[in-house]
Amino acid sequence: MQSRLFVVLPRGASLENSPDSLASNFTNQVFNVSLPSNNATNDTLKDVDECAKRKITTQLWFDLEMNNYIQNYSQGTSLSLKEYANTVGATNFNIKIGSICRVAQLCEGVKGKDWYALIAAQRWNTQMNQAFNAVAFASNIAMEITQSMAFDFVRAPTHVMEYASTSVSAIFWVILALPGVWFGPVGKYYYRAVLSVFYATTGIIRPISTFLYPTSSPAFTQWSDIAWLMSRVQKDVQQAMSNITETVKTSAISSEEGLYGLNLDGSLFAEKSTQSESEYQATFERAFKLQALSHLWRTENVFITRGSDPCDSDGPNGAWTGKNVISYCSPDGIMMNIIQAKGNKANKEIFGGDRALSKYNFSSELLTTTAWACQQKYGDVVEPTTWQNATESNISSLLTNECMFTLPICDLTNPSIKAARDRGLGTVEACRKVGKIQI
């Protein structure tokens, strides 16, 4: 009969837990895991019976004192994950994007805490591969959706000049036929006179029409830009994922960049430690659509005002109401509106504003608060392809709402900007001249 050793901790005592590391932050933020307390139970487990099968839970990670075990592993400051796996008996274990690594059953080569450590790495690698694949899938779906977005949010130009040119042409061609009918041979002189007027008129109208309304559709042009943007963002995000995987693979296992940092909070041992790939795809698809909308509206001189008016209108919490109006009032009474600059005038009706809320299921709160949080953190509008330098390993911010929607924000709670507007400068000019907003 095998003996078992239990260590009883004082009530309320907890096992040592280091601050969250890079990879632990990534797992917790991206995969949205709710974790129980990491306080040790009265049944804290030690190294007895290394082949006993136990249910994998977050609490088990702390009961086995896995963080301490990996951090203080012999030669852990020099062994890479691959070298460590070879040492403990998992000779084919290799984490990599595009690679499926599996640990055999407990004590079929690897036993005890080493097996649990590799199980954590295995789960982490699975999550990274699922997320990597989801980015590509979501990008393709978003590419199709953004084609309709370009037409939903970019106003088609009026064709007054084109219609005028066509109408003038039709009228003159009718007139050109009349002199010959009415006046016979003499009509050729009238014909020449009318023809010269015709050429002069269309010669003026058509260049103006071509200049103001080029043949290519503005919506199609914007969609082409978005297609390039989506592919660039996909490349950057996937490159960052590859980088962090390579970093974990090659770093010393006792470092926070290596195995030790993967599961500090125990989240990889949670009952549902990962979303499904379809859930990842939905998350990324939403992010791509937000970025596309941000790009489209910025080309239309759309921006956000904060604190421009009191929250005393008829909308939720006193926000503005109306067709194509996007307005949000926070619980603390700060109004934020998405408006458009047309010359020096502010237009609170945004082309396609209603479609953003109904067809694409965005909310005025999400759009305004996401943009404001980004500007507060970075101090400026962040370009979609600069959220993350692909050489850095922490990509957790790419997989949250952070900076997924950005627009220039004019903060009219700033006394200088507000005073300039109140003096008669107007919202747009005050934001441009005093607030230095690029609109």
Protein backbone atom coordinates (compact mmCIF):
# COMPACT_ATOMS: atom_id res chain seq x y z
CA MET A 1 0.00 0.00 0.00
CA GLN A 2 1.40 3.26 -1.05
CA SER A 3 1.68 6.08 1.46
CA ARG A 4 0.50 9.59 0.72
CA LEU A 5 1.87 12.78 2.19
CA PHE A 6 -0.30 15.84 2.72
CA VAL A 7 0.95 19.25 3.74
CA VAL A 8 -1.53 21.39 5.65
CA LEU A 9 -1.24 25.14 5.28
CA PRO A 10 -2.58 27.63 7.80
CA ARG A 11 -6.05 28.86 7.05
CA GLY A 12 -5.94 31.68 4.49
CA ALA A 13 -2.36 30.94 3.48
CA SER A 14 -1.61 30.89 -0.23
CA LEU A 15 1.11 29.45 -2.34
CA GLU A 16 3.71 31.77 -3.77
CA ASN A 17 2.69 33.18 -7.12
CA SER A 18 4.86 35.52 -9.20
CA PRO A 19 3.42 38.45 -11.17
CA ASP A 20 1.82 37.61 -14.48
CA SER A 21 4.28 37.09 -17.25
CA LEU A 22 4.03 37.83 -20.94
CA ALA A 23 2.59 34.50 -22.02
CA SER A 24 0.31 34.24 -18.96
CA ASN A 25 -1.15 37.67 -19.76
CA PHE A 26 -1.70 36.56 -23.34
CA THR A 27 -3.58 33.43 -22.30
CA ASN A 28 -5.78 35.13 -19.71
CA GLN A 29 -6.70 38.19 -21.82
CA VAL A 30 -7.13 36.54 -25.19
CA PHE A 31 -8.89 33.37 -24.21
CA ASN A 32 -11.19 35.01 -21.65
CA VAL A 33 -10.79 32.45 -18.88
CA SER A 34 -12.50 32.90 -15.52
CA LEU A 35 -10.24 31.56 -12.83
CA PRO A 36 -10.92 30.36 -9.29
CA SER A 37 -8.81 31.48 -6.37
CA ASN A 38 -5.27 30.19 -6.43
CA ASN A 39 -5.20 29.67 -2.67
CA ALA A 40 -3.91 26.25 -1.79
CA THR A 41 -6.33 23.72 -0.34
CA ASN A 42 -5.73 21.59 2.73
CA ASP A 43 -4.90 18.74 0.37
CA THR A 44 -1.80 20.27 -1.19
CA LEU A 45 -0.09 17.57 -3.24
CA LYS A 46 3.58 16.69 -3.28
CA ASP A 47 5.70 14.37 -5.34
CA VAL A 48 4.16 11.14 -4.03
CA ASP A 49 2.66 8.71 -6.58
CA GLU A 50 3.80 10.42 -9.75
CA CYS A 51 1.67 8.15 -11.93
CA ALA A 52 -1.64 8.71 -10.12
CA LYS A 53 -4.18 10.20 -12.52
CA ARG A 54 -5.77 13.39 -11.27
CA LYS A 55 -8.39 15.63 -12.83
CA ILE A 56 -6.72 18.58 -14.51
CA THR A 57 -7.99 21.76 -12.89
CA THR A 58 -6.64 25.21 -12.16
CA GLN A 59 -6.45 24.30 -8.49
CA LEU A 60 -4.35 21.22 -9.27
CA TRP A 61 -1.73 23.44 -10.88
CA PHE A 62 -1.32 25.31 -7.61
CA ASP A 63 -1.66 22.22 -5.44
CA LEU A 64 1.31 20.72 -7.26
CA GLU A 65 3.23 23.98 -6.86
CA MET A 66 3.99 23.90 -10.56
CA ASN A 67 5.18 27.50 -10.82
CA ASN A 68 7.78 26.92 -8.14
CA TYR A 69 8.79 23.59 -9.68
CA ILE A 70 9.43 25.04 -13.14
CA GLN A 71 11.07 28.23 -11.90
CA ASN A 72 13.56 26.31 -9.78
CA TYR A 73 14.08 23.36 -12.11
CA SER A 74 17.66 22.09 -12.26
CA GLN A 75 19.39 23.79 -15.20
CA GLY A 76 16.09 25.54 -15.93
CA THR A 77 17.92 28.77 -16.68
CA SER A 78 19.68 27.15 -19.63
CA LEU A 79 17.36 24.42 -20.92
CA SER A 80 15.01 25.32 -23.77
CA LEU A 81 11.55 23.77 -23.90
CA LYS A 82 12.66 21.26 -26.54
CA GLU A 83 15.74 20.30 -24.52
CA TYR A 84 13.65 19.95 -21.37
CA ALA A 85 11.14 17.72 -23.18
CA ASN A 86 13.95 15.48 -24.42
CA THR A 87 15.38 15.29 -20.91
CA VAL A 88 12.12 14.10 -19.33
CA GLY A 89 11.27 11.59 -22.05
CA ALA A 90 9.14 13.46 -24.62
CA THR A 91 11.58 13.27 -27.51
CA ASN A 92 9.06 14.27 -30.21
CA PHE A 93 7.58 17.23 -28.33
CA ASN A 94 7.93 20.46 -30.31
CA ILE A 95 5.65 23.50 -30.12
CA LYS A 96 5.29 25.38 -33.38
CA ILE A 97 2.70 27.20 -35.49
CA GLY A 98 1.35 24.62 -37.90
CA SER A 99 2.51 21.75 -35.70
CA ILE A 100 0.44 19.53 -33.41
CA CYS A 101 2.44 18.43 -30.38
CA ARG A 102 1.10 15.78 -28.06
CA VAL A 103 2.33 14.29 -24.80
CA ALA A 104 1.72 10.57 -24.30
CA GLN A 105 -0.38 9.37 -21.38
CA LEU A 106 0.94 9.96 -17.88
CA CYS A 107 3.92 7.72 -17.12
CA GLU A 108 4.14 6.49 -20.72
CA GLY A 109 7.50 8.19 -21.03
CA VAL A 110 6.92 11.30 -18.91
CA LYS A 111 5.74 11.23 -15.32
CA GLY A 112 4.81 13.47 -12.41
CA LYS A 113 5.14 17.22 -12.58
CA ASP A 114 7.07 17.11 -15.84
CA TRP A 115 4.02 15.59 -17.51
CA TYR A 116 1.74 18.35 -16.20
CA ALA A 117 4.23 21.01 -17.30
CA LEU A 118 4.22 19.64 -20.86
CA ILE A 119 0.42 19.35 -20.83
CA ALA A 120 0.31 23.11 -20.16
CA ALA A 121 2.67 23.75 -23.08
CA GLN A 122 0.61 21.44 -25.28
CA ARG A 123 -2.61 23.28 -24.50
CA TRP A 124 -0.98 26.63 -25.06
CA ASN A 125 0.36 25.52 -28.45
CA THR A 126 -3.11 24.30 -29.44
CA GLN A 127 -4.61 27.67 -28.56
CA MET A 128 -1.99 29.55 -30.54
CA ASN A 129 -2.59 27.41 -33.62
CA GLN A 130 -6.34 27.84 -33.36
CA ALA A 131 -5.97 31.59 -33.07
CA PHE A 132 -3.49 31.69 -35.96
CA ASN A 133 -5.87 29.81 -38.26
CA ALA A 134 -8.82 31.91 -37.13
CA VAL A 135 -7.06 35.11 -38.18
CA ALA A 136 -6.72 33.91 -41.77
CA PHE A 137 -10.31 32.66 -41.94
CA ALA A 138 -11.73 35.83 -40.41
CA SER A 139 -9.69 37.98 -42.78
CA ASN A 140 -11.18 36.21 -45.80
CA ILE A 141 -14.72 36.56 -44.46
CA ALA A 142 -14.14 40.20 -43.59
CA MET A 143 -12.78 40.84 -47.09
CA GLU A 144 -16.14 39.85 -48.54
CA ILE A 145 -18.12 41.82 -45.97
CA THR A 146 -16.06 44.98 -46.35
CA GLN A 147 -16.92 45.14 -50.04
CA SER A 148 -20.52 45.89 -49.08
CA MET A 149 -19.30 48.13 -46.24
CA ALA A 150 -17.54 50.36 -48.76
CA PHE A 151 -20.85 51.00 -50.52
CA ASP A 152 -22.75 51.29 -47.24
CA PHE A 153 -20.51 54.00 -45.78
CA VAL A 154 -19.08 55.89 -48.78
CA ARG A 155 -21.63 58.17 -50.38
CA ALA A 156 -21.95 57.74 -54.14
CA PRO A 157 -21.30 61.06 -55.94
CA THR A 158 -24.14 62.90 -57.60
CA HIS A 159 -24.04 62.73 -61.38
CA VAL A 160 -25.48 66.14 -62.15
CA MET A 161 -22.62 67.09 -64.46
CA GLU A 162 -22.74 63.77 -66.27
CA TYR A 163 -26.49 64.02 -66.71
CA ALA A 164 -26.10 67.60 -67.91
CA SER A 165 -23.51 66.59 -70.48
CA THR A 166 -25.68 63.73 -71.74
CA SER A 167 -28.78 65.93 -71.89
CA VAL A 168 -26.96 68.68 -73.77
CA SER A 169 -25.65 66.13 -76.24
CA ALA A 170 -29.12 64.72 -76.87
CA ILE A 171 -30.66 68.16 -77.33
CA PHE A 172 -27.98 69.30 -79.73
CA TRP A 173 -28.16 66.17 -81.84
CA VAL A 174 -31.88 66.80 -82.29
CA ILE A 175 -31.23 70.42 -83.15
CA LEU A 176 -28.51 69.47 -85.61
CA ALA A 177 -31.00 67.55 -87.72
CA LEU A 178 -33.49 70.43 -87.99
CA PRO A 179 -31.62 72.93 -90.25
CA GLY A 180 -31.42 70.44 -93.09
CA VAL A 181 -35.13 69.68 -92.77
CA TRP A 182 -36.24 73.29 -92.50
CA PHE A 183 -33.85 75.18 -94.76
CA GLY A 184 -32.46 72.68 -97.21
CA PRO A 185 -28.96 73.54 -98.57
CA VAL A 186 -28.82 76.80 -96.63
CA GLY A 187 -29.18 74.81 -93.46
CA LYS A 188 -25.56 73.69 -93.64
CA TYR A 189 -24.47 77.11 -92.37
CA TYR A 190 -26.80 76.81 -89.41
CA TYR A 191 -25.50 73.26 -88.94
CA ARG A 192 -21.92 74.47 -88.67
CA ALA A 193 -22.85 77.22 -86.20
CA VAL A 194 -24.82 74.87 -83.97
CA LEU A 195 -22.10 72.23 -84.19
CA SER A 196 -19.46 74.67 -82.96
CA VAL A 197 -21.65 75.56 -79.97
CA PHE A 198 -22.20 71.87 -79.28
CA TYR A 199 -18.49 71.07 -79.22
CA ALA A 200 -17.73 74.09 -77.08
CA THR A 201 -20.42 73.17 -74.54
CA THR A 202 -19.57 69.49 -74.23
CA GLY A 203 -15.89 70.38 -74.28
CA ILE A 204 -16.46 72.36 -71.08
CA ILE A 205 -18.88 69.99 -69.34
CA ARG A 206 -17.09 66.67 -69.87
CA PRO A 207 -13.68 67.65 -68.42
CA ILE A 208 -15.44 69.10 -65.37
CA SER A 209 -17.46 65.90 -65.03
CA THR A 210 -14.36 63.73 -65.33
CA PHE A 211 -12.49 65.80 -62.77
CA LEU A 212 -15.30 65.86 -60.21
CA TYR A 213 -16.58 62.34 -60.83
CA PRO A 214 -13.87 60.00 -62.10
CA THR A 215 -14.86 56.78 -63.81
CA SER A 216 -13.78 54.57 -60.93
CA SER A 217 -16.28 54.34 -58.07
CA PRO A 218 -15.11 55.96 -54.79
CA ALA A 219 -16.57 52.98 -52.94
CA PHE A 220 -14.60 50.54 -55.08
CA THR A 221 -11.43 52.56 -54.55
CA GLN A 222 -11.96 52.48 -50.79
CA TRP A 223 -12.66 48.76 -50.86
CA SER A 224 -9.38 48.20 -52.70
CA ASP A 225 -7.60 50.11 -49.95
CA ILE A 226 -9.36 48.05 -47.29
CA ALA A 227 -8.43 44.79 -49.03
CA TRP A 228 -4.79 45.83 -48.83
CA LEU A 229 -5.24 46.89 -45.21
CA MET A 230 -6.85 43.59 -44.20
CA SER A 231 -4.06 41.54 -45.75
CA ARG A 232 -1.46 43.72 -44.04
CA VAL A 233 -3.11 43.38 -40.64
CA GLN A 234 -3.49 39.62 -41.05
CA LYS A 235 0.19 39.33 -41.89
CA ASP A 236 1.24 41.43 -38.88
CA VAL A 237 -0.93 39.54 -36.40
CA GLN A 238 0.13 36.12 -37.63
CA GLN A 239 3.77 37.15 -37.65
CA ALA A 240 3.46 38.29 -34.05
CA MET A 241 1.90 34.94 -33.11
CA SER A 242 4.75 33.09 -34.78
CA ASN A 243 7.24 35.28 -32.94
CA ILE A 244 5.80 34.62 -29.49
CA THR A 245 5.65 30.87 -30.18
CA GLU A 246 9.29 30.85 -31.23
CA THR A 247 10.20 32.87 -28.13
CA VAL A 248 8.52 30.37 -25.80
CA LYS A 249 10.15 27.49 -27.65
CA THR A 250 13.71 28.81 -27.47
CA SER A 251 13.72 30.59 -24.09
CA ALA A 252 14.96 28.98 -20.89
CA ILE A 253 12.11 27.10 -19.25
CA SER A 254 12.60 28.88 -15.90
CA SER A 255 12.24 32.33 -17.48
CA GLU A 256 8.97 34.21 -17.83
CA GLU A 257 9.44 34.19 -21.61
CA GLY A 258 9.61 30.39 -21.55
CA LEU A 259 7.64 27.50 -20.06
CA TYR A 260 7.48 29.09 -16.60
CA GLY A 261 5.54 32.07 -17.94
CA LEU A 262 2.90 30.09 -19.81
CA ASN A 263 0.56 29.20 -16.97
CA LEU A 264 1.34 31.35 -13.94
CA ASP A 265 -2.35 31.92 -13.31
CA GLY A 266 -3.32 28.30 -13.94
CA SER A 267 -5.71 29.24 -16.74
CA LEU A 268 -4.49 26.53 -19.09
CA PHE A 269 -5.74 23.95 -16.59
CA ALA A 270 -9.22 25.49 -16.38
CA GLU A 271 -12.14 23.25 -17.34
CA LYS A 272 -12.67 25.35 -20.47
CA SER A 273 -9.24 26.78 -21.07
CA THR A 274 -9.86 27.79 -24.65
CA GLN A 275 -12.51 29.04 -27.00
CA SER A 276 -13.39 27.07 -30.08
CA GLU A 277 -11.80 28.08 -33.35
CA SER A 278 -15.17 29.41 -34.53
CA GLU A 279 -15.31 31.68 -31.48
CA TYR A 280 -11.85 33.00 -32.31
CA GLN A 281 -12.97 33.57 -35.89
CA ALA A 282 -15.96 35.62 -34.74
CA THR A 283 -13.69 37.72 -32.50
CA PHE A 284 -11.21 38.44 -35.29
CA GLU A 285 -13.92 39.05 -37.88
CA ARG A 286 -15.46 41.71 -35.66
CA ALA A 287 -12.06 43.31 -35.21
CA PHE A 288 -11.46 43.42 -38.96
CA LYS A 289 -14.87 45.02 -39.56
CA LEU A 290 -14.22 47.66 -36.92
CA GLN A 291 -10.93 48.53 -38.57
CA ALA A 292 -12.58 48.71 -41.98
CA LEU A 293 -15.26 51.07 -40.68
CA SER A 294 -12.61 53.20 -39.01
CA HIS A 295 -10.71 53.49 -42.29
CA LEU A 296 -13.80 54.34 -44.34
CA TRP A 297 -15.01 57.06 -42.00
CA ARG A 298 -11.61 58.65 -41.67
CA THR A 299 -11.50 59.12 -45.44
CA GLU A 300 -14.86 60.90 -45.14
CA ASN A 301 -13.58 63.37 -42.49
CA VAL A 302 -15.59 61.72 -39.74
CA PHE A 303 -14.42 62.36 -36.19
CA ILE A 304 -15.64 62.21 -32.59
CA THR A 305 -16.53 65.08 -30.31
CA ARG A 306 -16.41 64.59 -26.56
CA GLY A 307 -18.28 66.85 -24.17
CA SER A 308 -19.61 69.07 -26.93
CA ASP A 309 -23.14 69.22 -25.52
CA PRO A 310 -24.96 68.35 -22.30
CA CYS A 311 -26.67 64.97 -22.03
CA ASP A 312 -30.20 66.37 -22.04
CA SER A 313 -31.58 65.06 -25.34
CA ASP A 314 -34.13 62.30 -25.95
CA GLY A 315 -31.76 59.35 -26.41
CA PRO A 316 -30.41 56.91 -23.81
CA ASN A 317 -28.89 58.83 -20.88
CA GLY A 318 -29.66 62.05 -22.77
CA ALA A 319 -27.84 61.27 -26.04
CA TRP A 320 -28.86 62.72 -29.39
CA THR A 321 -31.40 60.88 -31.51
CA GLY A 322 -32.16 60.89 -35.21
CA LYS A 323 -31.54 59.07 -38.47
CA ASN A 324 -27.84 58.33 -39.05
CA VAL A 325 -26.96 60.00 -35.74
CA ILE A 326 -24.44 58.16 -33.56
CA SER A 327 -24.39 59.59 -30.06
CA TYR A 328 -23.51 58.17 -26.66
CA CYS A 329 -23.83 59.56 -23.16
CA SER A 330 -21.76 57.89 -20.48
CA PRO A 331 -23.14 57.22 -16.98
CA ASP A 332 -21.10 60.18 -15.72
CA GLY A 333 -22.85 62.50 -18.18
CA ILE A 334 -20.21 62.97 -20.89
CA MET A 335 -21.62 63.04 -24.42
CA MET A 336 -19.61 61.62 -27.32
CA ASN A 337 -20.83 62.02 -30.89
CA ILE A 338 -19.55 60.74 -34.21
CA ILE A 339 -19.92 63.60 -36.68
CA GLN A 340 -18.55 64.67 -40.05
CA ALA A 341 -16.60 67.77 -41.02
CA LYS A 342 -17.84 69.30 -44.26
CA GLY A 343 -15.62 72.26 -44.88
CA ASN A 344 -15.93 74.28 -41.69
CA LYS A 345 -19.35 72.90 -40.87
CA ALA A 346 -20.18 69.99 -38.57
CA ASN A 347 -22.75 67.49 -39.76
CA LYS A 348 -24.14 65.19 -37.09
CA GLU A 349 -25.78 62.89 -39.64
CA ILE A 350 -23.24 60.34 -40.86
CA PHE A 351 -23.83 58.59 -44.17
CA GLY A 352 -24.56 54.98 -43.27
CA GLY A 353 -24.73 55.70 -39.55
CA ASP A 354 -27.89 53.67 -39.05
CA ARG A 355 -26.41 50.73 -40.94
CA ALA A 356 -23.40 50.71 -38.63
CA LEU A 357 -25.74 50.16 -35.69
CA SER A 358 -28.35 47.85 -37.22
CA LYS A 359 -26.76 45.93 -40.11
CA TYR A 360 -23.30 45.53 -38.59
CA ASN A 361 -24.41 45.36 -34.94
CA PHE A 362 -22.03 47.97 -33.58
CA SER A 363 -23.18 50.21 -30.75
CA SER A 364 -22.57 53.90 -30.24
CA GLU A 365 -21.01 53.01 -26.88
CA LEU A 366 -18.57 50.51 -28.40
CA LEU A 367 -17.46 52.85 -31.18
CA THR A 368 -16.98 55.97 -29.09
CA THR A 369 -15.49 54.41 -25.96
CA THR A 370 -13.09 52.17 -27.91
CA ALA A 371 -11.73 55.16 -29.82
CA TRP A 372 -11.50 57.26 -26.66
CA ALA A 373 -9.69 54.56 -24.66
CA CYS A 374 -7.17 54.20 -27.48
CA GLN A 375 -6.51 57.93 -27.68
CA GLN A 376 -6.14 58.16 -23.90
CA LYS A 377 -3.53 55.40 -23.95
CA TYR A 378 -1.53 56.40 -27.02
CA GLY A 379 -2.31 60.10 -27.31
CA ASP A 380 -3.14 59.94 -31.00
CA VAL A 381 -5.01 58.02 -33.66
CA VAL A 382 -3.33 54.64 -34.08
CA GLU A 383 -2.97 53.23 -37.57
CA PRO A 384 -4.32 49.66 -37.97
CA THR A 385 -0.95 48.28 -39.04
CA THR A 386 0.91 49.82 -36.11
CA TRP A 387 -1.00 48.30 -33.20
CA GLN A 388 1.86 45.88 -32.79
CA ASN A 389 5.44 45.73 -33.96
CA ALA A 390 5.68 42.19 -35.27
CA THR A 391 9.06 41.73 -33.58
CA GLU A 392 7.53 42.12 -30.11
CA SER A 393 6.18 39.06 -28.40
CA ASN A 394 3.26 40.44 -26.39
CA ILE A 395 0.31 40.47 -28.78
CA SER A 396 -2.51 40.35 -26.24
CA SER A 397 -3.72 43.85 -27.18
CA LEU A 398 -4.30 42.70 -30.75
CA LEU A 399 -6.90 40.26 -29.57
CA THR A 400 -9.00 42.61 -27.46
CA ASN A 401 -11.06 45.65 -28.47
CA GLU A 402 -8.09 47.91 -27.81
CA CYS A 403 -7.66 50.35 -30.73
CA MET A 404 -9.77 48.20 -33.05
CA PHE A 405 -11.80 51.31 -33.87
CA THR A 406 -10.06 54.67 -33.99
CA LEU A 407 -11.10 58.13 -35.11
CA PRO A 408 -9.73 61.60 -34.34
CA ILE A 409 -11.31 62.84 -31.11
CA CYS A 410 -11.90 66.47 -30.25
CA ASP A 411 -12.18 66.75 -26.48
CA LEU A 412 -14.38 69.76 -25.84
CA THR A 413 -14.03 69.30 -22.10
CA ASN A 414 -10.70 71.01 -22.78
CA PRO A 415 -11.36 74.64 -21.70
CA SER A 416 -9.30 76.13 -24.56
CA ILE A 417 -11.17 74.27 -27.30
CA LYS A 418 -14.55 74.92 -25.70
CA ALA A 419 -13.80 78.64 -25.29
CA ALA A 420 -12.76 78.93 -28.95
CA ARG A 421 -16.00 77.31 -30.07
CA ASP A 422 -18.10 79.45 -27.75
CA ARG A 423 -16.46 82.58 -29.16
CA GLY A 424 -17.98 81.70 -32.52
CA LEU A 425 -15.18 79.74 -34.16
CA GLY A 426 -17.46 76.72 -34.54
CA THR A 427 -16.86 73.09 -33.61
CA VAL A 428 -14.84 72.10 -36.67
CA GLU A 429 -12.56 75.15 -36.72
CA ALA A 430 -12.05 75.08 -32.95
CA CYS A 431 -11.07 71.41 -33.14
CA ARG A 432 -8.71 72.06 -36.05
CA LYS A 433 -7.07 75.27 -34.93
CA VAL A 434 -7.01 74.88 -31.16
CA GLY A 435 -7.33 71.12 -30.71
CA LYS A 436 -4.98 70.38 -33.64
CA ILE A 437 -7.29 67.58 -34.78
CA GLN A 438 -6.49 66.31 -38.28
CA ILE A 439 -9.88 66.61 -39.98
